[in-house]
């Protein structure tokens, strides 16, 4: 999901989600496709998948943010999957590696800003590791640079996760069986991510609720419960 989604959406420095005021009314009709569940992995990453999100508490008529998987890309000398968030002035791309051993974030970009994480941030654990009470944590070095490649800031990021429970959850996109996870993050470069947030993850679906309080309202593929 979180994506991710993952998926980090909120910080003004990185995302600028508030760069444009919400428009009234829903989005214009678009051509959509549907990907069968057999083609979607436990941690969805196939090119062409798309998720729509709205801030928690916002009317369903609001214009959603849309997260799309763009497919394989080269980042920091490695082949990774690129996922792009767009809408309301936001334009950000995440670079992640996906496997049965988990999901790792190598870095992210928005116009004029590149944030690289070394070693990559472990956002999700191995597929078979999920259970109530599971915890994982780590530390990454952060390097923030501009389009010219010059490093503007450096520091460290510490993260920890705890799986709180597994439950049925009603959402605007339907009812899902979600893993409820608390994420805590701190860094030495000005607070790029919310310090403590809760996310909901569903296998074969992704993030049903992002750490920044965005709720899933639609997707172009089927799968998950």
Protein backbone atom coordinates (compact mmCIF):
# COMPACT_ATOMS: atom_id res chain seq x y z
CA UNK A 1 0.00 0.00 0.00
CA UNK A 2 2.17 2.49 2.02
CA UNK A 3 1.63 2.03 -0.20
CA UNK A 4 2.14 2.66 -0.16
CA UNK A 5 1.89 2.59 0.16
CA UNK A 6 2.66 3.13 2.08
CA UNK A 7 2.88 4.67 1.62
CA UNK A 8 4.34 8.45 3.35
CA UNK A 9 1.95 11.15 2.16
CA UNK A 10 1.74 14.00 4.60
CA UNK A 11 4.87 16.10 5.25
CA UNK A 12 4.81 19.48 3.54
CA UNK A 13 8.57 19.38 2.94
CA UNK A 14 8.37 16.13 1.02
CA UNK A 15 4.88 16.05 -0.45
CA UNK A 16 3.16 19.38 -0.31
CA UNK A 17 -0.26 17.75 -0.17
CA UNK A 18 -1.72 21.06 0.87
CA UNK A 19 -0.19 22.88 -2.08
CA UNK A 20 -3.55 23.21 -3.77
CA UNK A 21 -6.91 23.73 -2.10
CA UNK A 22 -9.44 20.92 -2.64
CA UNK A 23 -11.85 21.45 -5.50
CA UNK A 24 -15.54 20.93 -5.06
CA UNK A 25 -17.21 18.05 -6.85
CA UNK A 26 -15.85 14.65 -7.84
CA UNK A 27 -13.25 13.78 -10.45
CA UNK A 28 -14.11 13.66 -14.12
CA UNK A 29 -14.92 10.18 -15.51
CA UNK A 30 -11.84 8.26 -16.60
CA UNK A 31 -11.13 5.07 -18.50
CA UNK A 32 -10.33 2.32 -15.99
CA UNK A 33 -9.18 -1.28 -16.11
CA UNK A 34 -9.36 -4.15 -13.64
CA UNK A 35 -6.52 -6.53 -12.77
CA UNK A 36 -7.54 -10.03 -11.56
CA UNK A 37 -6.41 -11.17 -8.12
CA UNK A 38 -4.22 -13.88 -9.65
CA UNK A 39 -1.97 -11.18 -11.07
CA UNK A 40 -1.66 -9.20 -7.82
CA UNK A 41 1.01 -10.07 -5.27
CA UNK A 42 0.75 -10.12 -1.46
CA UNK A 43 2.40 -6.68 -1.51
CA UNK A 44 0.80 -5.27 -4.68
CA UNK A 45 3.44 -3.83 -7.02
CA UNK A 46 2.46 -4.81 -10.56
CA UNK A 47 2.65 -2.04 -13.15
CA UNK A 48 -0.69 -0.40 -13.83
CA UNK A 49 -2.26 -0.87 -10.39
CA UNK A 50 -3.94 2.25 -9.00
CA UNK A 51 -5.44 3.30 -5.66
CA UNK A 52 -7.55 6.37 -4.84
CA UNK A 53 -7.43 8.00 -1.38
CA UNK A 54 -9.21 10.80 0.46
CA UNK A 55 -8.26 12.37 3.80
CA UNK A 56 -10.11 10.75 6.69
CA UNK A 57 -13.24 12.75 7.53
CA UNK A 58 -13.45 14.48 4.15
CA UNK A 59 -16.68 14.23 2.08
CA UNK A 60 -16.71 11.47 -0.51
CA UNK A 61 -17.20 14.12 -3.20
CA UNK A 62 -13.64 15.38 -2.71
CA UNK A 63 -11.01 15.02 -5.41
CA UNK A 64 -8.87 11.98 -4.53
CA UNK A 65 -5.15 11.49 -4.52
CA UNK A 66 -4.22 8.69 -6.91
CA UNK A 67 -1.29 6.33 -6.36
CA UNK A 68 -0.09 4.34 -9.40
CA UNK A 69 2.57 1.71 -9.92
CA UNK A 70 4.72 2.78 -12.85
CA UNK A 71 6.79 -0.39 -13.18
CA UNK A 72 10.53 -1.14 -12.97
CA UNK A 73 12.95 1.77 -12.62
CA UNK A 74 16.61 2.31 -11.79
CA UNK A 75 17.28 4.13 -8.52
CA UNK A 76 20.58 4.34 -6.66
CA UNK A 77 21.97 1.80 -9.11
CA UNK A 78 19.30 -0.79 -8.32
CA UNK A 79 16.24 -2.05 -10.19
CA UNK A 80 13.20 -1.11 -8.12
CA UNK A 81 9.50 -0.42 -8.54
CA UNK A 82 8.37 3.18 -8.96
CA UNK A 83 5.03 4.34 -7.51
CA UNK A 84 3.71 7.84 -8.20
CA UNK A 85 1.23 9.87 -6.18
CA UNK A 86 -0.65 12.66 -7.98
CA UNK A 87 -3.58 14.95 -7.29
CA UNK A 88 -4.27 18.34 -5.69
CA UNK A 89 -0.85 19.55 -6.77
CA UNK A 90 1.01 16.58 -5.32
CA UNK A 91 3.63 14.89 -7.51
CA UNK A 92 5.82 12.39 -5.72
CA UNK A 93 7.45 9.12 -6.71
CA UNK A 94 8.58 6.37 -4.33
CA UNK A 95 11.25 3.81 -5.21
CA UNK A 96 10.72 0.47 -3.48
CA UNK A 97 11.86 -3.13 -3.64
CA UNK A 98 9.22 -5.83 -3.18
CA UNK A 99 9.76 -9.48 -2.29
CA UNK A 100 8.44 -12.22 -0.02
CA UNK A 101 10.97 -10.89 2.53
CA UNK A 102 9.22 -7.53 2.74
CA UNK A 103 8.99 -4.04 1.27
CA UNK A 104 11.93 -1.63 1.40
CA UNK A 105 11.96 2.07 0.55
CA UNK A 106 15.17 3.25 -1.12
CA UNK A 107 14.09 6.83 -1.69
CA UNK A 108 11.53 9.29 -2.99
CA UNK A 109 11.40 12.24 -5.33
CA UNK A 110 9.27 15.28 -5.97
CA UNK A 111 10.12 18.20 -8.24
CA UNK A 112 13.33 19.72 -6.94
CA UNK A 113 13.82 17.25 -4.07
CA UNK A 114 15.35 13.78 -3.86
CA UNK A 115 15.41 11.89 -0.54
CA UNK A 116 17.67 8.83 -0.45
CA UNK A 117 17.64 6.25 2.35
CA UNK A 118 20.64 4.01 3.04
CA UNK A 119 20.18 1.27 4.04
CA UNK A 120 16.64 1.12 2.68
CA UNK A 121 13.79 1.60 5.15
CA UNK A 122 11.98 -1.69 5.91
CA UNK A 123 8.35 -0.62 5.61
CA UNK A 124 6.79 -4.09 5.72
CA UNK A 125 8.02 -7.46 7.04
CA UNK A 126 8.26 -10.86 5.36
CA UNK A 127 4.90 -12.12 4.09
CA UNK A 128 4.83 -15.03 6.53
CA UNK A 129 5.82 -12.92 9.54
CA UNK A 130 2.50 -11.17 10.13
CA UNK A 131 1.00 -11.72 13.59
CA UNK A 132 -0.42 -9.64 16.41
CA UNK A 133 2.45 -8.31 18.51
CA UNK A 134 5.02 -8.40 15.69
CA UNK A 135 7.56 -5.56 15.89
CA UNK A 136 10.37 -4.41 13.66
CA UNK A 137 12.63 -1.39 13.63
CA UNK A 138 15.70 0.08 12.00
CA UNK A 139 17.77 3.12 11.13
CA UNK A 140 18.63 4.68 7.78
CA UNK A 141 20.93 7.48 6.73
CA UNK A 142 19.12 10.27 4.89
CA UNK A 143 20.55 12.42 2.12
CA UNK A 144 18.37 15.20 0.68
CA UNK A 145 19.51 16.67 -2.63
CA UNK A 146 18.21 18.96 -5.35
CA UNK A 147 17.80 18.37 -9.07
CA UNK A 148 21.45 19.28 -9.55
CA UNK A 149 22.50 16.36 -7.33
CA UNK A 150 24.00 18.57 -4.63
CA UNK A 151 23.32 17.33 -1.11
CA UNK A 152 21.35 19.92 0.86
CA UNK A 153 20.95 18.04 4.14
CA UNK A 154 22.06 14.80 5.75
CA UNK A 155 21.00 12.95 8.87
CA UNK A 156 19.50 9.77 10.23
CA UNK A 157 16.00 8.32 10.45
CA UNK A 158 14.82 5.84 13.09
CA UNK A 159 11.62 3.84 12.68
CA UNK A 160 9.68 1.19 14.58
CA UNK A 161 6.47 -0.70 13.89
CA UNK A 162 4.08 -2.71 16.06
CA UNK A 163 1.20 -4.86 14.78
CA UNK A 164 -1.64 -4.08 17.19
CA UNK A 165 -4.49 -6.26 15.97
CA UNK A 166 -6.29 -7.87 13.03
CA UNK A 167 -9.93 -6.85 12.49
CA UNK A 168 -12.75 -6.31 10.02
CA UNK A 169 -12.96 -2.68 8.94
CA UNK A 170 -15.64 -0.87 6.95
CA UNK A 171 -14.24 1.75 4.56
CA UNK A 172 -15.51 3.83 1.62
CA UNK A 173 -13.94 1.17 -0.64
CA UNK A 174 -15.70 -1.74 1.10
CA UNK A 175 -15.09 -4.04 4.06
CA UNK A 176 -11.57 -5.38 4.57
CA UNK A 177 -9.76 -7.59 7.04
CA UNK A 178 -6.94 -5.27 8.08
CA UNK A 179 -3.76 -5.52 10.08
CA UNK A 180 -3.65 -2.47 12.36
CA UNK A 181 -0.09 -1.18 12.69
CA UNK A 182 1.38 1.67 14.72
CA UNK A 183 4.40 3.35 13.14
CA UNK A 184 6.83 5.66 14.95
CA UNK A 185 9.41 7.72 13.08
CA UNK A 186 12.02 10.30 14.08
CA UNK A 187 14.79 11.95 12.10
CA UNK A 188 17.47 14.60 12.42
CA UNK A 189 16.60 16.59 9.30
CA UNK A 190 13.48 18.43 10.38
CA UNK A 191 10.75 15.81 10.69
CA UNK A 192 10.04 14.53 7.19
CA UNK A 193 7.37 12.08 8.37
CA UNK A 194 4.61 12.09 11.02
CA UNK A 195 6.09 10.99 14.36
CA UNK A 196 3.39 8.47 15.39
CA UNK A 197 0.58 7.26 13.18
CA UNK A 198 -1.61 4.23 12.59
CA UNK A 199 -1.96 2.41 9.28
CA UNK A 200 -4.20 -0.43 8.07
CA UNK A 201 -2.78 -3.02 5.70
CA UNK A 202 -4.59 -5.79 3.79
CA UNK A 203 -2.67 -8.42 1.79
CA UNK A 204 -3.30 -8.30 -1.97
CA UNK A 205 -4.88 -4.83 -1.52
CA UNK A 206 -2.25 -2.57 0.08
CA UNK A 207 -2.74 0.27 2.53
CA UNK A 208 -6.41 0.74 3.38
CA UNK A 209 -5.45 3.61 5.69
CA UNK A 210 -2.11 5.34 5.23
CA UNK A 211 0.01 6.53 8.16
CA UNK A 212 -1.09 10.08 7.34
CA UNK A 213 -4.83 9.41 7.65
CA UNK A 214 -5.76 8.89 4.00
CA UNK A 215 -8.52 6.31 3.47
CA UNK A 216 -8.83 4.04 0.45
CA UNK A 217 -11.88 4.97 -1.63
CA UNK A 218 -11.21 3.02 -4.82
CA UNK A 219 -8.81 0.83 -6.81
CA UNK A 220 -8.60 -0.58 -10.33
CA UNK A 221 -7.98 -4.21 -9.34
CA UNK A 222 -9.68 -6.96 -7.38
CA UNK A 223 -8.42 -9.08 -4.52
CA UNK A 224 -8.07 -9.11 -0.76
CA UNK A 225 -10.76 -9.16 1.90
